[in-house]
């Protein structure tokens, strides 16, 4: 009996020294994660954004310390980290947990982990409505899936996309820079207020048809109708009607401002 016990201990020691095998190969110790350009992701492959373009995107959005920036598909976190270095509070949404951990470590090394946060989440299931700046590097078809949600964000929210567009929603501004003989593009949109429909104005009404930031329609005052055309910049509205320029601010179901010449105007929806 004593000999059998000793043999059992002997075999237990031998077995503890044999590497655990999978498919006939010894399982290697897990190495540090290193991202590879072109690696598969949930929605798109990952391609790092050159730092010059990151800087250009943030400059285009006029990011300040008062901003809350959310980056959809934040990858290695460089855009979020750069925004945090500018003083902004920033959050990266990324589905790949390895990339999330990589970005968190990078933020810690750069000394901005208090302002640069990262979450593992699906961009299509994330509430990003509180962002004042939204950044993304996605394909056009993914931008289009997000577009209705983006258009419901607070008027004035700045949206900056690397390379890809929003379909018929034309950018308010485009910045093209040359990096290593390649042209890189940053597109900026300002979420417009919603003004489509009929508005009551002193002595008449305004009928507006809205296509994103562009507006057309008519103004009728005292029975006289004139055509109207103009543009929105967030909650700021400007239009020309009957040769008179109107500027103002939209606030929910009201808007008000100044006519050319200094006369005030207001309208309700």
C-alpha atoms as a PDB file:
ATOM      1  CA  UNK A   1       0.000   0.000   0.000  1.00  0.00           C
ATOM      2  CA  UNK A   2       2.791   2.411   0.897  1.00  0.00           C
ATOM      3  CA  UNK A   3       4.507   1.707  -2.449  1.00  0.00           C
ATOM      4  CA  UNK A   4       1.289   2.493  -4.349  1.00  0.00           C
ATOM      5  CA  UNK A   5       0.962   5.845  -2.544  1.00  0.00           C
ATOM      6  CA  UNK A   6       4.532   6.746  -3.463  1.00  0.00           C
ATOM      7  CA  UNK A   7       3.896   5.819  -7.110  1.00  0.00           C
ATOM      8  CA  UNK A   8       0.761   7.984  -7.197  1.00  0.00           C
ATOM      9  CA  UNK A   9       2.746  10.952  -5.872  1.00  0.00           C
ATOM     10  CA  UNK A  10       5.474  10.296  -8.447  1.00  0.00           C
ATOM     11  CA  UNK A  11       3.034  10.300 -11.376  1.00  0.00           C
ATOM     12  CA  UNK A  12       1.294  13.419 -10.011  1.00  0.00           C
ATOM     13  CA  UNK A  13       4.601  15.281 -10.022  1.00  0.00           C
ATOM     14  CA  UNK A  14       5.420  14.086 -13.558  1.00  0.00           C
ATOM     15  CA  UNK A  15       1.996  15.145 -14.840  1.00  0.00           C
ATOM     16  CA  UNK A  16       2.363  18.604 -13.293  1.00  0.00           C
ATOM     17  CA  UNK A  17       5.521  19.139 -15.330  1.00  0.00           C
ATOM     18  CA  UNK A  18       3.922  18.254 -18.684  1.00  0.00           C
ATOM     19  CA  UNK A  19       2.527  21.315 -20.572  1.00  0.00           C
ATOM     20  CA  UNK A  20      -1.220  21.368 -21.211  1.00  0.00           C
ATOM     21  CA  UNK A  21      -1.670  20.515 -24.905  1.00  0.00           C
ATOM     22  CA  UNK A  22      -4.280  21.557 -27.471  1.00  0.00           C
ATOM     23  CA  UNK A  23      -4.379  19.700 -30.765  1.00  0.00           C
ATOM     24  CA  UNK A  24      -1.007  18.126 -30.056  1.00  0.00           C
ATOM     25  CA  UNK A  25       0.786  21.476 -29.510  1.00  0.00           C
ATOM     26  CA  UNK A  26       1.829  22.915 -26.181  1.00  0.00           C
ATOM     27  CA  UNK A  27      -0.269  25.941 -25.222  1.00  0.00           C
ATOM     28  CA  UNK A  28       2.065  28.948 -25.146  1.00  0.00           C
ATOM     29  CA  UNK A  29       1.944  31.601 -22.481  1.00  0.00           C
ATOM     30  CA  UNK A  30      -0.359  34.470 -23.553  1.00  0.00           C
ATOM     31  CA  UNK A  31       1.641  37.294 -25.070  1.00  0.00           C
ATOM     32  CA  UNK A  32       0.934  41.022 -24.860  1.00  0.00           C
ATOM     33  CA  UNK A  33      -1.703  42.125 -27.379  1.00  0.00           C
ATOM     34  CA  UNK A  34      -0.387  44.058 -30.362  1.00  0.00           C
ATOM     35  CA  UNK A  35      -2.998  45.462 -32.776  1.00  0.00           C
ATOM     36  CA  UNK A  36      -2.494  44.929 -36.492  1.00  0.00           C
ATOM     37  CA  UNK A  37      -3.733  47.342 -39.158  1.00  0.00           C
ATOM     38  CA  UNK A  38      -6.491  45.586 -41.080  1.00  0.00           C
ATOM     39  CA  UNK A  39      -7.476  43.285 -38.227  1.00  0.00           C
ATOM     40  CA  UNK A  40     -11.104  42.161 -38.232  1.00  0.00           C
ATOM     41  CA  UNK A  41     -13.617  44.001 -36.067  1.00  0.00           C
ATOM     42  CA  UNK A  42     -17.326  43.643 -35.382  1.00  0.00           C
ATOM     43  CA  UNK A  43     -18.392  46.183 -38.012  1.00  0.00           C
ATOM     44  CA  UNK A  44     -15.198  47.227 -39.835  1.00  0.00           C
ATOM     45  CA  UNK A  45     -11.538  46.309 -39.968  1.00  0.00           C
ATOM     46  CA  UNK A  46      -9.287  48.451 -37.802  1.00  0.00           C
ATOM     47  CA  UNK A  47      -6.969  50.915 -39.516  1.00  0.00           C
ATOM     48  CA  UNK A  48      -5.124  53.445 -37.326  1.00  0.00           C
ATOM     49  CA  UNK A  49      -5.771  57.124 -38.019  1.00  0.00           C
ATOM     50  CA  UNK A  50      -2.548  59.109 -38.588  1.00  0.00           C
ATOM     51  CA  UNK A  51      -1.900  61.511 -35.738  1.00  0.00           C
ATOM     52  CA  UNK A  52      -1.894  64.440 -38.179  1.00  0.00           C
ATOM     53  CA  UNK A  53      -5.462  63.608 -39.157  1.00  0.00           C
ATOM     54  CA  UNK A  54      -6.476  63.137 -35.520  1.00  0.00           C
ATOM     55  CA  UNK A  55      -5.204  66.650 -34.811  1.00  0.00           C
ATOM     56  CA  UNK A  56      -6.985  67.992 -37.897  1.00  0.00           C
ATOM     57  CA  UNK A  57     -10.307  66.379 -36.887  1.00  0.00           C
ATOM     58  CA  UNK A  58     -10.168  67.874 -33.404  1.00  0.00           C
ATOM     59  CA  UNK A  59      -9.163  71.261 -34.786  1.00  0.00           C
ATOM     60  CA  UNK A  60     -12.041  71.145 -37.273  1.00  0.00           C
ATOM     61  CA  UNK A  61     -14.478  70.439 -34.423  1.00  0.00           C
ATOM     62  CA  UNK A  62     -12.949  73.262 -32.345  1.00  0.00           C
ATOM     63  CA  UNK A  63     -12.620  70.950 -29.334  1.00  0.00           C
ATOM     64  CA  UNK A  64     -12.191  72.804 -26.023  1.00  0.00           C
ATOM     65  CA  UNK A  65     -11.927  71.776 -22.347  1.00  0.00           C
ATOM     66  CA  UNK A  66     -15.693  72.332 -22.002  1.00  0.00           C
ATOM     67  CA  UNK A  67     -16.482  69.571 -24.518  1.00  0.00           C
ATOM     68  CA  UNK A  68     -17.573  66.003 -23.956  1.00  0.00           C
ATOM     69  CA  UNK A  69     -16.294  63.966 -26.894  1.00  0.00           C
ATOM     70  CA  UNK A  70     -17.398  60.424 -27.738  1.00  0.00           C
ATOM     71  CA  UNK A  71     -15.478  58.405 -30.311  1.00  0.00           C
ATOM     72  CA  UNK A  72     -17.426  55.543 -31.901  1.00  0.00           C
ATOM     73  CA  UNK A  73     -15.049  52.678 -32.659  1.00  0.00           C
ATOM     74  CA  UNK A  74     -12.146  54.126 -30.695  1.00  0.00           C
ATOM     75  CA  UNK A  75      -9.557  51.458 -31.573  1.00  0.00           C
ATOM     76  CA  UNK A  76      -6.216  52.134 -29.905  1.00  0.00           C
ATOM     77  CA  UNK A  77      -7.651  55.263 -28.290  1.00  0.00           C
ATOM     78  CA  UNK A  78      -5.424  57.885 -29.883  1.00  0.00           C
ATOM     79  CA  UNK A  79      -8.251  60.285 -30.758  1.00  0.00           C
ATOM     80  CA  UNK A  80      -9.770  60.094 -27.266  1.00  0.00           C
ATOM     81  CA  UNK A  81      -6.362  60.520 -25.647  1.00  0.00           C
ATOM     82  CA  UNK A  82      -5.503  63.504 -27.852  1.00  0.00           C
ATOM     83  CA  UNK A  83      -8.844  65.147 -27.012  1.00  0.00           C
ATOM     84  CA  UNK A  84      -8.134  64.605 -23.303  1.00  0.00           C
ATOM     85  CA  UNK A  85      -4.733  66.252 -23.725  1.00  0.00           C
ATOM     86  CA  UNK A  86      -6.629  69.289 -25.024  1.00  0.00           C
ATOM     87  CA  UNK A  87      -8.564  69.320 -21.767  1.00  0.00           C
ATOM     88  CA  UNK A  88     -11.796  67.742 -23.041  1.00  0.00           C
ATOM     89  CA  UNK A  89     -13.577  64.899 -21.273  1.00  0.00           C
ATOM     90  CA  UNK A  90     -13.602  62.007 -23.735  1.00  0.00           C
ATOM     91  CA  UNK A  91     -15.060  58.512 -24.004  1.00  0.00           C
ATOM     92  CA  UNK A  92     -14.133  55.790 -26.472  1.00  0.00           C
ATOM     93  CA  UNK A  93     -16.636  53.088 -27.446  1.00  0.00           C
ATOM     94  CA  UNK A  94     -14.919  49.941 -28.719  1.00  0.00           C
ATOM     95  CA  UNK A  95     -16.178  46.364 -29.137  1.00  0.00           C
ATOM     96  CA  UNK A  96     -12.787  44.612 -28.984  1.00  0.00           C
ATOM     97  CA  UNK A  97     -11.872  44.206 -25.309  1.00  0.00           C
ATOM     98  CA  UNK A  98      -8.171  43.858 -26.164  1.00  0.00           C
ATOM     99  CA  UNK A  99      -8.252  47.263 -27.848  1.00  0.00           C
ATOM    100  CA  UNK A 100     -10.121  48.703 -24.868  1.00  0.00           C
ATOM    101  CA  UNK A 101      -7.431  47.504 -22.461  1.00  0.00           C
ATOM    102  CA  UNK A 102      -4.695  48.736 -24.801  1.00  0.00           C
ATOM    103  CA  UNK A 103      -6.301  52.201 -24.927  1.00  0.00           C
ATOM    104  CA  UNK A 104      -6.768  52.322 -21.143  1.00  0.00           C
ATOM    105  CA  UNK A 105      -3.104  51.517 -20.629  1.00  0.00           C
ATOM    106  CA  UNK A 106      -2.088  54.165 -23.173  1.00  0.00           C
ATOM    107  CA  UNK A 107      -4.238  56.785 -21.443  1.00  0.00           C
ATOM    108  CA  UNK A 108      -2.618  55.912 -18.127  1.00  0.00           C
ATOM    109  CA  UNK A 109       0.862  56.189 -19.624  1.00  0.00           C
ATOM    110  CA  UNK A 110      -0.026  59.585 -21.123  1.00  0.00           C
ATOM    111  CA  UNK A 111      -1.347  60.800 -17.784  1.00  0.00           C
ATOM    112  CA  UNK A 112      -4.930  61.443 -18.970  1.00  0.00           C
ATOM    113  CA  UNK A 113      -6.789  58.412 -17.612  1.00  0.00           C
ATOM    114  CA  UNK A 114      -9.046  60.680 -15.542  1.00  0.00           C
ATOM    115  CA  UNK A 115     -10.355  62.420 -18.660  1.00  0.00           C
ATOM    116  CA  UNK A 116      -9.962  59.642 -21.253  1.00  0.00           C
ATOM    117  CA  UNK A 117     -12.257  56.673 -20.560  1.00  0.00           C
ATOM    118  CA  UNK A 118     -12.970  53.594 -22.659  1.00  0.00           C
ATOM    119  CA  UNK A 119     -15.871  51.151 -22.658  1.00  0.00           C
ATOM    120  CA  UNK A 120     -16.410  47.830 -24.373  1.00  0.00           C
ATOM    121  CA  UNK A 121     -19.756  48.307 -26.088  1.00  0.00           C
ATOM    122  CA  UNK A 122     -21.632  48.095 -29.387  1.00  0.00           C
ATOM    123  CA  UNK A 123     -21.810  51.506 -31.089  1.00  0.00           C
ATOM    124  CA  UNK A 124     -25.349  50.746 -32.280  1.00  0.00           C
ATOM    125  CA  UNK A 125     -26.538  50.051 -28.738  1.00  0.00           C
ATOM    126  CA  UNK A 126     -24.752  52.949 -27.035  1.00  0.00           C
ATOM    127  CA  UNK A 127     -26.371  56.182 -25.863  1.00  0.00           C
ATOM    128  CA  UNK A 128     -24.075  58.945 -27.131  1.00  0.00           C
ATOM    129  CA  UNK A 129     -26.710  61.695 -26.960  1.00  0.00           C
ATOM    130  CA  UNK A 130     -24.838  63.734 -24.343  1.00  0.00           C
ATOM    131  CA  UNK A 131     -21.735  64.243 -26.500  1.00  0.00           C
ATOM    132  CA  UNK A 132     -20.988  67.761 -27.688  1.00  0.00           C
ATOM    133  CA  UNK A 133     -18.521  66.307 -30.199  1.00  0.00           C
ATOM    134  CA  UNK A 134     -18.951  62.941 -31.916  1.00  0.00           C
ATOM    135  CA  UNK A 135     -16.116  61.358 -33.911  1.00  0.00           C
ATOM    136  CA  UNK A 136     -16.126  58.268 -36.088  1.00  0.00           C
ATOM    137  CA  UNK A 137     -14.149  56.323 -38.674  1.00  0.00           C
ATOM    138  CA  UNK A 138     -16.734  54.009 -40.181  1.00  0.00           C
ATOM    139  CA  UNK A 139     -17.933  53.066 -43.641  1.00  0.00           C
ATOM    140  CA  UNK A 140     -20.640  55.214 -45.247  1.00  0.00           C
ATOM    141  CA  UNK A 141     -23.308  52.514 -44.815  1.00  0.00           C
ATOM    142  CA  UNK A 142     -22.609  52.435 -41.069  1.00  0.00           C
ATOM    143  CA  UNK A 143     -22.707  56.234 -40.888  1.00  0.00           C
ATOM    144  CA  UNK A 144     -26.111  56.072 -42.561  1.00  0.00           C
ATOM    145  CA  UNK A 145     -27.372  53.618 -39.929  1.00  0.00           C
ATOM    146  CA  UNK A 146     -26.288  56.063 -37.245  1.00  0.00           C
ATOM    147  CA  UNK A 147     -27.517  59.173 -39.072  1.00  0.00           C
ATOM    148  CA  UNK A 148     -31.109  59.232 -37.714  1.00  0.00           C
ATOM    149  CA  UNK A 149     -29.790  59.017 -34.156  1.00  0.00           C
ATOM    150  CA  UNK A 150     -27.186  61.697 -34.833  1.00  0.00           C
ATOM    151  CA  UNK A 151     -29.809  64.050 -36.277  1.00  0.00           C
ATOM    152  CA  UNK A 152     -31.789  63.697 -33.032  1.00  0.00           C
ATOM    153  CA  UNK A 153     -28.831  64.964 -30.998  1.00  0.00           C
ATOM    154  CA  UNK A 154     -28.797  68.452 -29.532  1.00  0.00           C
ATOM    155  CA  UNK A 155     -28.574  71.140 -32.245  1.00  0.00           C
ATOM    156  CA  UNK A 156     -25.026  72.414 -32.481  1.00  0.00           C
ATOM    157  CA  UNK A 157     -23.390  69.051 -31.769  1.00  0.00           C
ATOM    158  CA  UNK A 158     -20.280  68.733 -33.939  1.00  0.00           C
ATOM    159  CA  UNK A 159     -19.784  65.474 -35.802  1.00  0.00           C
ATOM    160  CA  UNK A 160     -16.445  64.691 -37.428  1.00  0.00           C
ATOM    161  CA  UNK A 161     -15.851  61.655 -39.619  1.00  0.00           C
ATOM    162  CA  UNK A 162     -12.611  60.319 -40.999  1.00  0.00           C
ATOM    163  CA  UNK A 163     -12.925  59.898 -44.809  1.00  0.00           C
ATOM    164  CA  UNK A 164     -16.491  58.599 -45.120  1.00  0.00           C
ATOM    165  CA  UNK A 165     -19.676  60.634 -45.579  1.00  0.00           C
ATOM    166  CA  UNK A 166     -23.335  60.713 -44.524  1.00  0.00           C
ATOM    167  CA  UNK A 167     -25.003  60.223 -47.885  1.00  0.00           C
ATOM    168  CA  UNK A 168     -27.208  63.167 -48.923  1.00  0.00           C
ATOM    169  CA  UNK A 169     -26.301  65.036 -45.748  1.00  0.00           C
ATOM    170  CA  UNK A 170     -23.458  67.154 -47.072  1.00  0.00           C
ATOM    171  CA  UNK A 171     -20.720  68.236 -44.647  1.00  0.00           C
ATOM    172  CA  UNK A 172     -20.700  71.802 -43.382  1.00  0.00           C
ATOM    173  CA  UNK A 173     -16.930  71.834 -43.769  1.00  0.00           C
ATOM    174  CA  UNK A 174     -14.276  69.555 -45.271  1.00  0.00           C
ATOM    175  CA  UNK A 175     -10.589  69.506 -44.446  1.00  0.00           C
ATOM    176  CA  UNK A 176      -8.159  67.652 -46.717  1.00  0.00           C
ATOM    177  CA  UNK A 177      -4.545  67.166 -45.710  1.00  0.00           C
ATOM    178  CA  UNK A 178      -1.628  65.375 -47.345  1.00  0.00           C
ATOM    179  CA  UNK A 179       0.074  62.635 -45.312  1.00  0.00           C
ATOM    180  CA  UNK A 180       2.905  60.621 -46.868  1.00  0.00           C
ATOM    181  CA  UNK A 181       1.718  61.545 -50.384  1.00  0.00           C
ATOM    182  CA  UNK A 182      -1.837  60.386 -49.596  1.00  0.00           C
ATOM    183  CA  UNK A 183      -4.830  62.717 -49.221  1.00  0.00           C
ATOM    184  CA  UNK A 184      -6.741  62.312 -45.980  1.00  0.00           C
ATOM    185  CA  UNK A 185     -10.155  63.862 -45.371  1.00  0.00           C
ATOM    186  CA  UNK A 186     -11.966  65.085 -42.269  1.00  0.00           C
ATOM    187  CA  UNK A 187     -15.685  65.878 -42.672  1.00  0.00           C
ATOM    188  CA  UNK A 188     -17.578  68.121 -40.253  1.00  0.00           C
ATOM    189  CA  UNK A 189     -21.329  68.299 -39.729  1.00  0.00           C
ATOM    190  CA  UNK A 190     -23.195  70.536 -37.300  1.00  0.00           C
ATOM    191  CA  UNK A 191     -26.423  68.903 -36.113  1.00  0.00           C
ATOM    192  CA  UNK A 192     -29.186  71.302 -37.242  1.00  0.00           C
ATOM    193  CA  UNK A 193     -32.279  72.312 -35.299  1.00  0.00           C
ATOM    194  CA  UNK A 194     -35.580  70.952 -36.618  1.00  0.00           C
ATOM    195  CA  UNK A 195     -37.601  73.669 -38.339  1.00  0.00           C
ATOM    196  CA  UNK A 196     -39.598  71.812 -40.990  1.00  0.00           C
ATOM    197  CA  UNK A 197     -43.250  72.886 -41.134  1.00  0.00           C
ATOM    198  CA  UNK A 198     -45.442  75.962 -40.694  1.00  0.00           C
ATOM    199  CA  UNK A 199     -44.470  78.796 -38.351  1.00  0.00           C
ATOM    200  CA  UNK A 200     -46.668  81.725 -37.284  1.00  0.00           C
ATOM    201  CA  UNK A 201     -45.035  85.119 -37.615  1.00  0.00           C
ATOM    202  CA  UNK A 202     -46.436  88.607 -36.961  1.00  0.00           C
ATOM    203  CA  UNK A 203     -48.912  89.313 -39.738  1.00  0.00           C
ATOM    204  CA  UNK A 204     -48.541  85.948 -41.475  1.00  0.00           C
ATOM    205  CA  UNK A 205     -46.726  82.645 -41.603  1.00  0.00           C
ATOM    206  CA  UNK A 206     -43.571  80.916 -42.779  1.00  0.00           C
ATOM    207  CA  UNK A 207     -43.627  77.519 -44.489  1.00  0.00           C
ATOM    208  CA  UNK A 208     -40.294  75.717 -44.339  1.00  0.00           C
ATOM    209  CA  UNK A 209     -39.094  72.572 -46.063  1.00  0.00           C
ATOM    210  CA  UNK A 210     -35.916  71.295 -44.431  1.00  0.00           C
ATOM    211  CA  UNK A 211     -33.247  69.066 -45.973  1.00  0.00           C
ATOM    212  CA  UNK A 212     -30.709  68.630 -43.194  1.00  0.00           C
ATOM    213  CA  UNK A 213     -29.099  72.097 -42.779  1.00  0.00           C
ATOM    214  CA  UNK A 214     -30.643  73.551 -45.957  1.00  0.00           C
ATOM    215  CA  UNK A 215     -34.072  75.221 -45.888  1.00  0.00           C
ATOM    216  CA  UNK A 216     -36.449  76.430 -48.592  1.00  0.00           C
ATOM    217  CA  UNK A 217     -40.066  77.544 -48.547  1.00  0.00           C
ATOM    218  CA  UNK A 218     -42.194  80.652 -48.495  1.00  0.00           C
ATOM    219  CA  UNK A 219     -43.198  83.559 -46.293  1.00  0.00           C
ATOM    220  CA  UNK A 220     -46.664  85.093 -46.461  1.00  0.00           C
ATOM    221  CA  UNK A 221     -47.279  88.438 -44.759  1.00  0.00           C
ATOM    222  CA  UNK A 222     -50.340  90.588 -45.352  1.00  0.00           C
ATOM    223  CA  UNK A 223     -51.466  88.222 -48.098  1.00  0.00           C
ATOM    224  CA  UNK A 224     -48.226  88.668 -50.047  1.00  0.00           C
ATOM    225  CA  UNK A 225     -46.170  85.492 -50.577  1.00  0.00           C
ATOM    226  CA  UNK A 226     -42.420  85.462 -51.230  1.00  0.00           C
ATOM    227  CA  UNK A 227     -39.958  82.609 -51.630  1.00  0.00           C
ATOM    228  CA  UNK A 228     -37.565  81.736 -48.848  1.00  0.00           C
ATOM    229  CA  UNK A 229     -34.157  80.038 -48.801  1.00  0.00           C
ATOM    230  CA  UNK A 230     -31.466  79.727 -46.174  1.00  0.00           C
ATOM    231  CA  UNK A 231     -29.415  77.531 -43.899  1.00  0.00           C
ATOM    232  CA  UNK A 232     -29.101  76.271 -40.344  1.00  0.00           C
ATOM    233  CA  UNK A 233     -25.916  76.133 -38.305  1.00  0.00           C
ATOM    234  CA  UNK A 234     -26.931  74.184 -35.236  1.00  0.00           C
ATOM    235  CA  UNK A 235     -29.621  76.306 -33.560  1.00  0.00           C
ATOM    236  CA  UNK A 236     -28.701  79.369 -35.635  1.00  0.00           C
ATOM    237  CA  UNK A 237     -30.920  80.137 -38.630  1.00  0.00           C
ATOM    238  CA  UNK A 238     -30.451  82.545 -41.506  1.00  0.00           C
ATOM    239  CA  UNK A 239     -32.654  82.956 -44.556  1.00  0.00           C
ATOM    240  CA  UNK A 240     -33.631  85.425 -47.220  1.00  0.00           C
ATOM    241  CA  UNK A 241     -37.280  86.122 -47.934  1.00  0.00           C
ATOM    242  CA  UNK A 242     -38.468  88.731 -50.411  1.00  0.00           C
ATOM    243  CA  UNK A 243     -35.032  90.314 -50.547  1.00  0.00           C
ATOM    244  CA  UNK A 244     -34.790  90.731 -46.769  1.00  0.00           C
ATOM    245  CA  UNK A 245     -32.208  88.831 -44.737  1.00  0.00           C
ATOM    246  CA  UNK A 246     -33.327  87.226 -41.476  1.00  0.00           C
ATOM    247  CA  UNK A 247     -31.024  85.827 -38.790  1.00  0.00           C
ATOM    248  CA  UNK A 248     -31.992  84.249 -35.504  1.00  0.00           C
ATOM    249  CA  UNK A 249     -31.906  81.403 -33.005  1.00  0.00           C
ATOM    250  CA  UNK A 250     -34.179  78.363 -32.828  1.00  0.00           C
ATOM    251  CA  UNK A 251     -35.311  77.183 -29.393  1.00  0.00           C
ATOM    252  CA  UNK A 252     -37.768  74.307 -29.543  1.00  0.00           C
ATOM    253  CA  UNK A 253     -41.024  75.561 -31.057  1.00  0.00           C
ATOM    254  CA  UNK A 254     -39.903  79.191 -31.150  1.00  0.00           C
ATOM    255  CA  UNK A 255     -37.357  81.188 -33.096  1.00  0.00           C
ATOM    256  CA  UNK A 256     -36.452  84.844 -33.036  1.00  0.00           C
ATOM    257  CA  UNK A 257     -33.834  87.272 -34.242  1.00  0.00           C
ATOM    258  CA  UNK A 258     -33.191  90.334 -36.340  1.00  0.00           C
ATOM    259  CA  UNK A 259     -34.171  91.403 -39.836  1.00  0.00           C
ATOM    260  CA  UNK A 260     -31.668  93.296 -41.954  1.00  0.00           C
ATOM    261  CA  UNK A 261     -31.956  96.877 -40.775  1.00  0.00           C
ATOM    262  CA  UNK A 262     -32.289  95.937 -37.112  1.00  0.00           C
ATOM    263  CA  UNK A 263     -35.992  95.130 -36.748  1.00  0.00           C
ATOM    264  CA  UNK A 264     -36.765  92.184 -34.471  1.00  0.00           C
ATOM    265  CA  UNK A 265     -38.812  89.174 -35.624  1.00  0.00           C
ATOM    266  CA  UNK A 266     -40.146  86.055 -33.926  1.00  0.00           C
ATOM    267  CA  UNK A 267     -42.102  82.973 -34.963  1.00  0.00           C
ATOM    268  CA  UNK A 268     -43.743  80.024 -33.223  1.00  0.00           C
ATOM    269  CA  UNK A 269     -44.386  76.479 -34.437  1.00  0.00           C
END
